[in-house]
Amino acid sequence: MADHYFTNSPGAGKNRQTTEATIWGTDYALITASGVFARHGLDIATAVLLRSCDPPTDASRLADVGCGYGPIAIALADHCPRATVDAVDVNDAALTLCQENAAAAGVADRVVPLRPEAADPDARYDEIWSNPPIRIGKQALHELLMEWLPRLVPDGVMRMVVGKNLGADSLQTWLTEQGYPCERVASAKGFRVLVAHRSDRH
């Protein structure tokens, strides 16, 4: 199985290479390496998410949970000029690459790579974006989402992409049952793009 976000491989960070990605009309050259998710280029799920959602250009605080080498976080910072973006991952090599890639894109002052335990628990985000680590298992995924969803501002949203065959529809139902009304905004190439809203219940 290929390494996913939220894994920390002993060999991570070696065999560096550069991959190119065009996000919201901007071209990026991103350094990747072994042991980091999607090292050979932007994965299909992330591409579907980015094609399906526009950047929240007026946002001031954003998060990318499971940032990998940083394509979502960097594009968000680049297209949301007022925003600081917390780029969160447990893979230390990915965080290092994210920092390097943010510097190369000219947004290092507003992209903050960090491990989950280093995130400010009192921070509140206008939006949280994620290609979540589905393969960690349902219970662990639910715990992860319940850790981050309460950090949304009132009326904030979490945008995520999930494989249809990996339980996207049941996850949508579960999120709504937890008090985070969730809608499917796109479906492509076997993936669902879900948007969960912070509601008045929280």
N, C-alpha and C. Protein backbone atom coordinates (compact mmCIF):
# COMPACT_ATOMS: atom_id res chain seq x y z
N MET A 1 0.85 -1.19 0.00
CA MET A 1 0.00 0.00 0.00
C MET A 1 0.88 1.24 0.00
N ALA A 2 0.56 2.23 -0.82
CA ALA A 2 1.31 3.46 -0.85
C ALA A 2 1.11 4.22 0.45
N ASP A 3 2.17 4.94 0.88
CA ASP A 3 2.05 5.75 2.08
C ASP A 3 0.99 6.81 1.87
N HIS A 4 0.19 7.06 2.90
CA HIS A 4 -0.86 8.07 2.83
C HIS A 4 -0.50 9.18 3.79
N TYR A 5 -1.26 10.26 3.73
CA TYR A 5 -1.14 11.27 4.75
C TYR A 5 -1.30 10.58 6.11
N PHE A 6 -0.69 11.14 7.11
CA PHE A 6 -0.78 10.63 8.47
C PHE A 6 -0.12 9.27 8.61
N THR A 7 0.95 9.06 7.84
CA THR A 7 1.88 7.98 8.11
C THR A 7 3.26 8.59 8.18
N ASN A 8 4.15 7.96 8.95
CA ASN A 8 5.51 8.47 9.10
C ASN A 8 6.46 7.34 8.80
N SER A 9 6.86 7.22 7.54
CA SER A 9 7.70 6.12 7.08
C SER A 9 9.15 6.35 7.46
N PRO A 10 9.86 5.30 7.90
CA PRO A 10 11.28 5.46 8.26
C PRO A 10 12.13 5.97 7.10
N GLY A 11 11.75 5.66 5.87
CA GLY A 11 12.54 6.08 4.72
C GLY A 11 12.08 7.39 4.11
N ALA A 12 11.19 8.08 4.81
CA ALA A 12 10.62 9.29 4.25
C ALA A 12 11.67 10.37 4.05
N GLY A 13 11.51 11.12 2.99
CA GLY A 13 12.38 12.25 2.73
C GLY A 13 13.51 11.98 1.76
N LYS A 14 13.72 10.72 1.36
CA LYS A 14 14.80 10.39 0.44
C LYS A 14 14.27 10.41 -0.99
N ASN A 15 15.21 10.33 -1.94
CA ASN A 15 14.85 10.28 -3.36
C ASN A 15 13.95 11.44 -3.76
N ARG A 16 14.44 12.63 -3.50
CA ARG A 16 13.66 13.83 -3.80
C ARG A 16 13.49 14.02 -5.31
N GLN A 17 12.34 14.55 -5.67
CA GLN A 17 12.07 14.86 -7.06
C GLN A 17 11.10 16.03 -7.11
N THR A 18 10.96 16.63 -8.28
CA THR A 18 10.05 17.76 -8.45
C THR A 18 8.89 17.34 -9.33
N THR A 19 7.69 17.68 -8.88
CA THR A 19 6.49 17.42 -9.67
C THR A 19 5.78 18.74 -9.91
N GLU A 20 5.07 18.84 -10.99
CA GLU A 20 4.37 20.07 -11.33
C GLU A 20 2.87 19.89 -11.18
N ALA A 21 2.22 20.94 -10.73
CA ALA A 21 0.77 20.92 -10.57
C ALA A 21 0.21 22.28 -10.92
N THR A 22 -0.92 22.30 -11.59
CA THR A 22 -1.64 23.54 -11.87
C THR A 22 -2.90 23.57 -11.02
N ILE A 23 -2.98 24.54 -10.13
CA ILE A 23 -4.09 24.65 -9.18
C ILE A 23 -4.70 26.03 -9.30
N TRP A 24 -5.98 26.08 -9.61
CA TRP A 24 -6.70 27.35 -9.76
C TRP A 24 -5.98 28.29 -10.72
N GLY A 25 -5.45 27.69 -11.79
CA GLY A 25 -4.83 28.48 -12.84
C GLY A 25 -3.39 28.88 -12.60
N THR A 26 -2.82 28.46 -11.49
CA THR A 26 -1.44 28.79 -11.16
C THR A 26 -0.59 27.53 -11.21
N ASP A 27 0.58 27.64 -11.83
CA ASP A 27 1.51 26.51 -11.93
C ASP A 27 2.46 26.49 -10.74
N TYR A 28 2.63 25.31 -10.16
CA TYR A 28 3.53 25.13 -9.03
C TYR A 28 4.52 24.01 -9.32
N ALA A 29 5.76 24.21 -8.93
CA ALA A 29 6.77 23.15 -8.95
C ALA A 29 6.99 22.73 -7.50
N LEU A 30 6.64 21.50 -7.18
CA LEU A 30 6.62 21.02 -5.79
C LEU A 30 7.62 19.89 -5.61
N ILE A 31 8.43 19.99 -4.58
CA ILE A 31 9.39 18.93 -4.27
C ILE A 31 8.69 17.83 -3.49
N THR A 32 8.87 16.60 -3.90
CA THR A 32 8.34 15.44 -3.19
C THR A 32 9.50 14.51 -2.87
N ALA A 33 9.20 13.41 -2.19
CA ALA A 33 10.24 12.46 -1.82
C ALA A 33 9.59 11.14 -1.45
N SER A 34 10.41 10.12 -1.31
CA SER A 34 9.90 8.81 -0.90
C SER A 34 9.31 8.89 0.50
N GLY A 35 8.32 8.03 0.75
CA GLY A 35 7.69 8.00 2.06
C GLY A 35 6.68 9.10 2.28
N VAL A 36 6.40 9.87 1.23
CA VAL A 36 5.43 10.96 1.31
C VAL A 36 4.30 10.66 0.33
N PHE A 37 3.08 10.89 0.76
CA PHE A 37 1.92 10.55 -0.07
C PHE A 37 1.95 11.28 -1.40
N ALA A 38 1.61 10.57 -2.47
CA ALA A 38 1.48 11.12 -3.83
C ALA A 38 2.79 11.75 -4.30
N ARG A 39 3.89 11.07 -4.08
CA ARG A 39 5.20 11.65 -4.39
C ARG A 39 5.40 11.85 -5.90
N HIS A 40 4.65 11.13 -6.73
CA HIS A 40 4.85 11.24 -8.17
C HIS A 40 3.96 12.29 -8.83
N GLY A 41 3.16 12.98 -8.03
CA GLY A 41 2.31 14.02 -8.59
C GLY A 41 0.99 14.11 -7.86
N LEU A 42 0.28 15.18 -8.11
CA LEU A 42 -1.00 15.41 -7.44
C LEU A 42 -1.92 14.22 -7.63
N ASP A 43 -2.39 13.64 -6.53
CA ASP A 43 -3.26 12.47 -6.63
C ASP A 43 -4.65 12.86 -7.13
N ILE A 44 -5.36 11.87 -7.65
CA ILE A 44 -6.66 12.13 -8.28
C ILE A 44 -7.65 12.74 -7.28
N ALA A 45 -7.67 12.22 -6.06
CA ALA A 45 -8.65 12.70 -5.08
C ALA A 45 -8.43 14.19 -4.77
N THR A 46 -7.18 14.57 -4.53
CA THR A 46 -6.89 15.97 -4.24
C THR A 46 -7.22 16.84 -5.43
N ALA A 47 -6.92 16.35 -6.63
CA ALA A 47 -7.24 17.11 -7.84
C ALA A 47 -8.75 17.32 -7.96
N VAL A 48 -9.53 16.30 -7.65
CA VAL A 48 -10.99 16.43 -7.70
C VAL A 48 -11.46 17.48 -6.69
N LEU A 49 -10.92 17.45 -5.49
CA LEU A 49 -11.29 18.43 -4.47
C LEU A 49 -10.99 19.85 -4.94
N LEU A 50 -9.80 20.06 -5.47
CA LEU A 50 -9.39 21.40 -5.87
C LEU A 50 -10.17 21.89 -7.09
N ARG A 51 -10.53 20.98 -7.98
CA ARG A 51 -11.31 21.39 -9.14
C ARG A 51 -12.76 21.70 -8.77
N SER A 52 -13.23 21.12 -7.68
CA SER A 52 -14.64 21.24 -7.31
C SER A 52 -14.94 22.41 -6.39
N CYS A 53 -13.92 22.99 -5.78
CA CYS A 53 -14.12 24.04 -4.78
C CYS A 53 -13.24 25.24 -5.11
N ASP A 54 -13.80 26.41 -4.94
CA ASP A 54 -13.04 27.64 -5.15
C ASP A 54 -12.34 28.06 -3.86
N PRO A 55 -11.21 28.75 -3.97
CA PRO A 55 -10.53 29.21 -2.76
C PRO A 55 -11.34 30.28 -2.04
N PRO A 56 -11.38 30.22 -0.71
CA PRO A 56 -12.13 31.22 0.07
C PRO A 56 -11.29 32.50 0.21
N THR A 57 -11.34 33.35 -0.79
CA THR A 57 -10.39 34.45 -0.90
C THR A 57 -10.47 35.46 0.24
N ASP A 58 -11.58 35.51 0.96
CA ASP A 58 -11.71 36.47 2.06
C ASP A 58 -11.36 35.87 3.42
N ALA A 59 -10.95 34.61 3.44
CA ALA A 59 -10.66 33.93 4.71
C ALA A 59 -9.43 34.52 5.38
N SER A 60 -9.38 34.38 6.71
CA SER A 60 -8.21 34.84 7.45
C SER A 60 -7.45 33.70 8.13
N ARG A 61 -8.13 32.58 8.38
CA ARG A 61 -7.45 31.43 9.02
C ARG A 61 -7.99 30.15 8.39
N LEU A 62 -7.08 29.34 7.86
CA LEU A 62 -7.45 28.10 7.20
C LEU A 62 -6.58 26.97 7.71
N ALA A 63 -7.02 25.73 7.47
CA ALA A 63 -6.21 24.57 7.81
C ALA A 63 -6.30 23.54 6.70
N ASP A 64 -5.19 22.84 6.48
CA ASP A 64 -5.13 21.70 5.58
C ASP A 64 -4.71 20.51 6.43
N VAL A 65 -5.64 19.61 6.70
CA VAL A 65 -5.37 18.48 7.59
C VAL A 65 -4.97 17.27 6.75
N GLY A 66 -3.73 16.83 6.94
CA GLY A 66 -3.14 15.81 6.09
C GLY A 66 -2.49 16.48 4.89
N CYS A 67 -1.62 17.45 5.16
CA CYS A 67 -1.14 18.34 4.11
C CYS A 67 -0.15 17.70 3.15
N GLY A 68 0.51 16.60 3.55
CA GLY A 68 1.53 16.04 2.69
C GLY A 68 2.60 17.07 2.39
N TYR A 69 3.07 17.10 1.15
CA TYR A 69 4.12 18.07 0.80
C TYR A 69 3.56 19.46 0.48
N GLY A 70 2.24 19.64 0.65
CA GLY A 70 1.69 20.98 0.72
C GLY A 70 0.91 21.55 -0.43
N PRO A 71 0.47 20.78 -1.42
CA PRO A 71 -0.21 21.42 -2.55
C PRO A 71 -1.47 22.20 -2.18
N ILE A 72 -2.31 21.65 -1.31
CA ILE A 72 -3.53 22.37 -0.93
C ILE A 72 -3.19 23.60 -0.11
N ALA A 73 -2.37 23.43 0.92
CA ALA A 73 -2.04 24.54 1.82
C ALA A 73 -1.39 25.69 1.06
N ILE A 74 -0.48 25.37 0.16
CA ILE A 74 0.24 26.40 -0.59
C ILE A 74 -0.69 27.12 -1.55
N ALA A 75 -1.54 26.38 -2.24
CA ALA A 75 -2.50 27.01 -3.16
C ALA A 75 -3.48 27.90 -2.39
N LEU A 76 -3.92 27.44 -1.23
CA LEU A 76 -4.82 28.26 -0.42
C LEU A 76 -4.14 29.57 -0.02
N ALA A 77 -2.92 29.49 0.47
CA ALA A 77 -2.21 30.70 0.88
C ALA A 77 -1.98 31.64 -0.30
N ASP A 78 -1.68 31.07 -1.46
CA ASP A 78 -1.40 31.86 -2.65
C ASP A 78 -2.64 32.59 -3.14
N HIS A 79 -3.80 31.94 -3.03
CA HIS A 79 -5.03 32.51 -3.58
C HIS A 79 -5.89 33.19 -2.52
N CYS A 80 -5.50 33.11 -1.27
CA CYS A 80 -6.24 33.76 -0.18
C CYS A 80 -5.26 34.69 0.54
N PRO A 81 -5.04 35.88 0.02
CA PRO A 81 -3.92 36.71 0.47
C PRO A 81 -3.98 37.18 1.90
N ARG A 82 -5.16 37.10 2.54
CA ARG A 82 -5.28 37.52 3.94
C ARG A 82 -5.13 36.35 4.90
N ALA A 83 -5.01 35.14 4.38
CA ALA A 83 -5.12 33.95 5.23
C ALA A 83 -3.77 33.41 5.68
N THR A 84 -3.76 32.95 6.92
CA THR A 84 -2.71 32.08 7.43
C THR A 84 -3.24 30.65 7.34
N VAL A 85 -2.40 29.73 6.87
CA VAL A 85 -2.83 28.34 6.66
C VAL A 85 -2.01 27.41 7.54
N ASP A 86 -2.66 26.73 8.46
CA ASP A 86 -2.00 25.68 9.24
C ASP A 86 -1.98 24.41 8.39
N ALA A 87 -0.77 23.92 8.09
CA ALA A 87 -0.58 22.72 7.28
C ALA A 87 -0.21 21.58 8.21
N VAL A 88 -1.11 20.64 8.41
CA VAL A 88 -1.01 19.67 9.50
C VAL A 88 -0.72 18.27 8.96
N ASP A 89 0.28 17.61 9.54
CA ASP A 89 0.59 16.23 9.16
C ASP A 89 1.42 15.61 10.27
N VAL A 90 1.42 14.28 10.36
CA VAL A 90 2.29 13.59 11.31
C VAL A 90 3.60 13.16 10.67
N ASN A 91 3.70 13.29 9.36
CA ASN A 91 4.89 12.87 8.63
C ASN A 91 5.88 14.04 8.62
N ASP A 92 6.98 13.89 9.38
CA ASP A 92 7.93 14.99 9.51
C ASP A 92 8.59 15.35 8.19
N ALA A 93 8.84 14.35 7.35
CA ALA A 93 9.43 14.63 6.04
C ALA A 93 8.47 15.45 5.19
N ALA A 94 7.19 15.13 5.27
CA ALA A 94 6.19 15.90 4.52
C ALA A 94 6.16 17.35 4.99
N LEU A 95 6.24 17.56 6.29
CA LEU A 95 6.22 18.92 6.83
C LEU A 95 7.43 19.72 6.35
N THR A 96 8.59 19.07 6.31
CA THR A 96 9.80 19.74 5.82
C THR A 96 9.63 20.14 4.36
N LEU A 97 9.10 19.21 3.55
CA LEU A 97 8.87 19.50 2.14
C LEU A 97 7.84 20.61 1.97
N CYS A 98 6.79 20.58 2.78
CA CYS A 98 5.76 21.61 2.72
C CYS A 98 6.38 22.99 2.98
N GLN A 99 7.26 23.06 3.95
CA GLN A 99 7.91 24.33 4.27
C GLN A 99 8.77 24.80 3.10
N GLU A 100 9.54 23.89 2.50
CA GLU A 100 10.37 24.24 1.35
C GLU A 100 9.50 24.69 0.17
N ASN A 101 8.43 23.96 -0.08
CA ASN A 101 7.57 24.30 -1.20
C ASN A 101 6.85 25.63 -0.98
N ALA A 102 6.47 25.90 0.25
CA ALA A 102 5.84 27.19 0.55
C ALA A 102 6.82 28.33 0.30
N ALA A 103 8.08 28.12 0.67
CA ALA A 103 9.09 29.16 0.43
C ALA A 103 9.28 29.39 -1.06
N ALA A 104 9.32 28.32 -1.82
CA ALA A 104 9.50 28.44 -3.27
C ALA A 104 8.33 29.16 -3.93
N ALA A 105 7.14 29.00 -3.35
CA ALA A 105 5.94 29.64 -3.90
C ALA A 105 5.75 31.06 -3.36
N GLY A 106 6.61 31.47 -2.44
CA GLY A 106 6.52 32.82 -1.91
C GLY A 106 5.47 33.02 -0.84
N VAL A 107 5.06 31.93 -0.19
CA VAL A 107 4.00 32.05 0.84
C VAL A 107 4.45 31.47 2.19
N ALA A 108 5.76 31.33 2.39
CA ALA A 108 6.24 30.72 3.63
C ALA A 108 5.85 31.50 4.87
N ASP A 109 5.59 32.79 4.71
CA ASP A 109 5.20 33.61 5.86
C ASP A 109 3.78 33.34 6.32
N ARG A 110 2.98 32.62 5.46
CA ARG A 110 1.58 32.38 5.82
C ARG A 110 1.19 30.91 5.79
N VAL A 111 2.14 30.02 5.55
CA VAL A 111 1.91 28.58 5.66
C VAL A 111 2.69 28.08 6.87
N VAL A 112 1.98 27.44 7.80
CA VAL A 112 2.59 27.00 9.06
C VAL A 112 2.53 25.48 9.14
N PRO A 113 3.61 24.79 8.71
CA PRO A 113 3.60 23.32 8.81
C PRO A 113 3.75 22.89 10.27
N LEU A 114 2.89 21.99 10.72
CA LEU A 114 2.98 21.55 12.10
C LEU A 114 2.32 20.18 12.28
N ARG A 115 2.76 19.50 13.34
CA ARG A 115 2.15 18.24 13.72
C ARG A 115 0.83 18.53 14.45
N PRO A 116 -0.11 17.58 14.44
CA PRO A 116 -1.42 17.85 15.06
C PRO A 116 -1.34 18.31 16.50
N GLU A 117 -0.43 17.71 17.26
CA GLU A 117 -0.35 18.07 18.68
C GLU A 117 0.21 19.47 18.90
N ALA A 118 0.83 20.04 17.87
CA ALA A 118 1.38 21.39 17.98
C ALA A 118 0.38 22.47 17.58
N ALA A 119 -0.75 22.07 17.02
CA ALA A 119 -1.76 23.04 16.61
C ALA A 119 -2.39 23.70 17.83
N ASP A 120 -2.66 24.97 17.73
CA ASP A 120 -3.29 25.72 18.81
C ASP A 120 -4.73 25.23 18.99
N PRO A 121 -5.06 24.63 20.12
CA PRO A 121 -6.43 24.10 20.30
C PRO A 121 -7.48 25.20 20.32
N ASP A 122 -7.06 26.44 20.54
CA ASP A 122 -8.01 27.55 20.58
C ASP A 122 -8.15 28.25 19.23
N ALA A 123 -7.39 27.81 18.24
CA ALA A 123 -7.50 28.42 16.91
C ALA A 123 -8.86 28.10 16.31
N ARG A 124 -9.40 29.05 15.58
CA ARG A 124 -10.69 28.85 14.92
C ARG A 124 -10.52 29.16 13.44
N TYR A 125 -11.01 28.25 12.62
CA TYR A 125 -10.75 28.31 11.19
C TYR A 125 -12.01 28.67 10.40
N ASP A 126 -11.82 29.52 9.40
CA ASP A 126 -12.92 29.82 8.49
C ASP A 126 -13.27 28.59 7.66
N GLU A 127 -12.24 27.89 7.20
CA GLU A 127 -12.44 26.64 6.47
C GLU A 127 -11.31 25.67 6.79
N ILE A 128 -11.64 24.38 6.77
CA ILE A 128 -10.66 23.32 6.89
C ILE A 128 -10.78 22.47 5.64
N TRP A 129 -9.66 22.19 4.99
CA TRP A 129 -9.62 21.37 3.78
C TRP A 129 -8.89 20.09 4.10
N SER A 130 -9.30 18.99 3.45
CA SER A 130 -8.64 17.72 3.74
C SER A 130 -8.91 16.66 2.70
N ASN A 131 -7.87 15.93 2.36
CA ASN A 131 -7.99 14.61 1.73
C ASN A 131 -7.68 13.66 2.87
N PRO A 132 -8.69 13.29 3.67
CA PRO A 132 -8.43 12.63 4.95
C PRO A 132 -7.91 11.21 4.78
N PRO A 133 -7.17 10.74 5.79
CA PRO A 133 -6.56 9.41 5.73
C PRO A 133 -7.58 8.31 6.03
N ILE A 134 -8.41 8.01 5.06
CA ILE A 134 -9.51 7.06 5.25
C ILE A 134 -9.01 5.71 5.75
N ARG A 135 -7.84 5.30 5.29
CA ARG A 135 -7.37 3.94 5.59
C ARG A 135 -6.88 3.76 7.03
N ILE A 136 -6.93 4.81 7.84
CA ILE A 136 -6.60 4.63 9.26
C ILE A 136 -7.73 3.91 9.98
N GLY A 137 -8.88 3.75 9.33
CA GLY A 137 -10.01 3.06 9.93
C GLY A 137 -11.11 4.03 10.32
N LYS A 138 -12.33 3.51 10.36
CA LYS A 138 -13.49 4.36 10.59
C LYS A 138 -13.42 5.07 11.94
N GLN A 139 -13.10 4.32 13.01
CA GLN A 139 -13.10 4.93 14.34
C GLN A 139 -12.05 6.03 14.44
N ALA A 140 -10.85 5.75 13.95
CA ALA A 140 -9.78 6.76 14.00
C ALA A 140 -10.13 7.97 13.14
N LEU A 141 -10.76 7.73 12.00
CA LEU A 141 -11.16 8.84 11.14
C LEU A 141 -12.22 9.69 11.83
N HIS A 142 -13.19 9.06 12.45
CA HIS A 142 -14.22 9.81 13.16
C HIS A 142 -13.60 10.65 14.28
N GLU A 143 -12.66 10.08 14.99
CA GLU A 143 -11.99 10.83 16.06
C GLU A 143 -11.22 12.02 15.49
N LEU A 144 -10.57 11.80 14.35
CA LEU A 144 -9.83 12.88 13.71
C LEU A 144 -10.76 14.03 13.31
N LEU A 145 -11.88 13.68 12.68
CA LEU A 145 -12.82 14.71 12.25
C LEU A 145 -13.44 15.44 13.44
N MET A 146 -13.73 14.71 14.50
CA MET A 146 -14.32 15.35 15.67
C MET A 146 -13.29 16.19 16.43
N GLU A 147 -12.03 15.99 16.17
CA GLU A 147 -11.00 16.85 16.75
C GLU A 147 -10.95 18.20 16.03
N TRP A 148 -11.18 18.17 14.71
CA TRP A 148 -11.01 19.39 13.92
C TRP A 148 -12.30 20.15 13.65
N LEU A 149 -13.41 19.48 13.47
CA LEU A 149 -14.65 20.18 13.15
C LEU A 149 -15.06 21.21 14.21
N PRO A 150 -14.89 20.95 15.51
CA PRO A 150 -15.26 21.96 16.49
C PRO A 150 -14.39 23.22 16.43
N ARG A 151 -13.31 23.17 15.66
CA ARG A 151 -12.43 24.34 15.54
C ARG A 151 -12.86 25.29 14.42
N LEU A 152 -13.96 24.99 13.77
CA LEU A 152 -14.50 25.90 12.77
C LEU A 152 -15.16 27.10 13.45
N VAL A 153 -15.08 28.25 12.80
CA VAL A 153 -15.85 29.41 13.27
C VAL A 153 -17.33 29.12 13.01
N PRO A 154 -18.23 29.85 13.67
CA PRO A 154 -19.65 29.70 13.33
C PRO A 154 -19.83 29.93 11.83
N ASP A 155 -20.58 29.06 11.20
CA ASP A 155 -20.80 29.08 9.75
C ASP A 155 -19.58 28.66 8.96
N GLY A 156 -18.53 28.16 9.63
CA GLY A 156 -17.37 27.65 8.92
C GLY A 156 -17.67 26.30 8.30
N VAL A 157 -16.81 25.89 7.36
CA VAL A 157 -17.03 24.62 6.67
C VAL A 157 -15.73 23.82 6.61
N MET A 158 -15.89 22.52 6.53
CA MET A 158 -14.78 21.62 6.25
C MET A 158 -15.04 20.98 4.89
N ARG A 159 -14.08 21.12 3.99
CA ARG A 159 -14.18 20.56 2.65
C ARG A 159 -13.27 19.34 2.57
N MET A 160 -13.81 18.21 2.15
CA MET A 160 -13.01 16.98 2.13
C MET A 160 -13.39 16.14 0.92
N VAL A 161 -12.47 15.27 0.52
CA VAL A 161 -12.71 14.37 -0.59
C VAL A 161 -12.54 12.94 -0.09
N VAL A 162 -13.50 12.08 -0.46
CA VAL A 162 -13.52 10.70 0.04
C VAL A 162 -13.95 9.78 -1.10
N GLY A 163 -13.30 8.65 -1.21
CA GLY A 163 -13.68 7.68 -2.23
C GLY A 163 -15.07 7.12 -1.99
N LYS A 164 -15.83 7.01 -3.07
CA LYS A 164 -17.17 6.44 -2.94
C LYS A 164 -17.10 5.03 -2.36
N ASN A 165 -16.12 4.24 -2.82
CA ASN A 165 -16.01 2.85 -2.35
C ASN A 165 -15.33 2.76 -0.99
N LEU A 166 -14.94 3.90 -0.42
CA LEU A 166 -14.34 3.92 0.91
C LEU A 166 -15.28 4.53 1.94
N GLY A 167 -16.55 4.60 1.59
CA GLY A 167 -17.55 5.00 2.59
C GLY A 167 -17.95 6.45 2.59
N ALA A 168 -17.81 7.14 1.44
CA ALA A 168 -18.14 8.56 1.41
C ALA A 168 -19.59 8.83 1.80
N ASP A 169 -20.51 8.01 1.30
CA ASP A 169 -21.92 8.28 1.55
C ASP A 169 -22.28 8.04 3.01
N SER A 170 -21.73 6.99 3.60
CA SER A 170 -22.01 6.74 5.03
C SER A 170 -21.35 7.81 5.90
N LEU A 171 -20.18 8.29 5.48
CA LEU A 171 -19.53 9.36 6.23
C LEU A 171 -20.36 10.64 6.18
N GLN A 172 -20.92 10.94 5.03
CA GLN A 172 -21.79 12.11 4.90
C GLN A 172 -22.96 12.01 5.87
N THR A 173 -23.58 10.85 5.94
CA THR A 173 -24.70 10.65 6.87
C THR A 173 -24.25 10.80 8.31
N TRP A 174 -23.11 10.20 8.65
CA TRP A 174 -22.60 10.24 10.02
C TRP A 174 -22.30 11.68 10.45
N LEU A 175 -21.67 12.46 9.58
CA LEU A 175 -21.35 13.85 9.91
C LEU A 175 -22.61 14.64 10.20
N THR A 176 -23.64 14.44 9.41
CA THR A 176 -24.91 15.13 9.64
C THR A 176 -25.51 14.72 10.97
N GLU A 177 -25.42 13.43 11.29
CA GLU A 177 -25.95 12.94 12.57
C GLU A 177 -25.19 13.53 13.76
N GLN A 178 -23.92 13.87 13.57
CA GLN A 178 -23.12 14.46 14.65
C GLN A 178 -23.37 15.96 14.81
N GLY A 179 -24.26 16.50 13.97
CA GLY A 179 -24.58 17.92 14.09
C GLY A 179 -23.79 18.80 13.15
N TYR A 180 -23.14 18.20 12.16
CA TYR A 180 -22.41 18.96 11.15
C TYR A 180 -23.05 18.66 9.79
N PRO A 181 -24.12 19.39 9.45
CA PRO A 181 -24.83 19.11 8.20
C PRO A 181 -23.85 19.03 7.03
N CYS A 182 -23.94 17.94 6.30
CA CYS A 182 -22.95 17.63 5.28
C CYS A 182 -23.63 17.44 3.93
N GLU A 183 -23.11 18.09 2.92
CA GLU A 183 -23.65 17.97 1.57
C GLU A 183 -22.57 17.48 0.61
N ARG A 184 -23.00 16.79 -0.41
CA ARG A 184 -22.10 16.38 -1.47
C ARG A 184 -22.16 17.43 -2.57
N VAL A 185 -21.02 18.05 -2.85
CA VAL A 185 -21.01 19.15 -3.82
C VAL A 185 -20.46 18.71 -5.18
N ALA A 186 -19.81 17.55 -5.22
CA ALA A 186 -19.28 17.06 -6.49
C ALA A 186 -19.01 15.58 -6.38
N SER A 187 -19.01 14.92 -7.53
CA SER A 187 -18.67 13.51 -7.61
C SER A 187 -17.95 13.29 -8.93
N ALA A 188 -16.73 12.76 -8.87
CA ALA A 188 -15.95 12.55 -10.09
C ALA A 188 -14.88 11.50 -9.85
N LYS A 189 -14.64 10.69 -10.85
CA LYS A 189 -13.56 9.70 -10.85
C LYS A 189 -13.59 8.79 -9.61
N GLY A 190 -14.81 8.49 -9.14
CA GLY A 190 -14.96 7.61 -7.99
C GLY A 190 -14.83 8.28 -6.65
N PHE A 191 -14.77 9.61 -6.62
CA PHE A 191 -14.62 10.35 -5.37
C PHE A 191 -15.79 11.29 -5.16
N ARG A 192 -16.13 11.50 -3.89
CA ARG A 192 -17.14 12.47 -3.50
C ARG A 192 -16.44 13.65 -2.83
N VAL A 193 -16.89 14.84 -3.14
CA VAL A 193 -16.43 16.03 -2.42
C VAL A 193 -17.54 16.41 -1.45
N LEU A 194 -17.22 16.37 -0.16
CA LEU A 194 -18.19 16.64 0.90
C LEU A 194 -17.86 17.96 1.58
N VAL A 195 -18.90 18.69 1.94
CA VAL A 195 -18.74 19.93 2.70
C VAL A 195 -19.59 19.83 3.95
N ALA A 196 -18.92 19.83 5.11
CA ALA A 196 -19.60 19.77 6.40
C ALA A 196 -19.64 21.16 7.01
N HIS A 197 -20.81 21.54 7.53
CA HIS A 197 -21.02 22.88 8.06
C HIS A 197 -21.09 22.85 9.59
N ARG A 198 -20.48 23.84 10.19
CA ARG A 198 -20.70 24.01 11.63
C ARG A 198 -22.09 24.61 11.83
N SER A 199 -22.87 23.96 12.64
CA SER A 199 -24.27 24.37 12.80
C SER A 199 -24.48 25.06 14.14
N ASP A 200 -25.71 25.48 14.38
CA ASP A 200 -26.06 26.17 15.62
C ASP A 200 -25.95 25.25 16.83
N ARG A 201 -25.84 23.94 16.60
CA ARG A 201 -25.75 23.01 17.72
C ARG A 201 -24.40 23.07 18.40
N HIS A 202 -23.42 23.74 17.80
CA HIS A 202 -22.06 23.71 18.33
C HIS A 202 -21.61 25.10 18.73
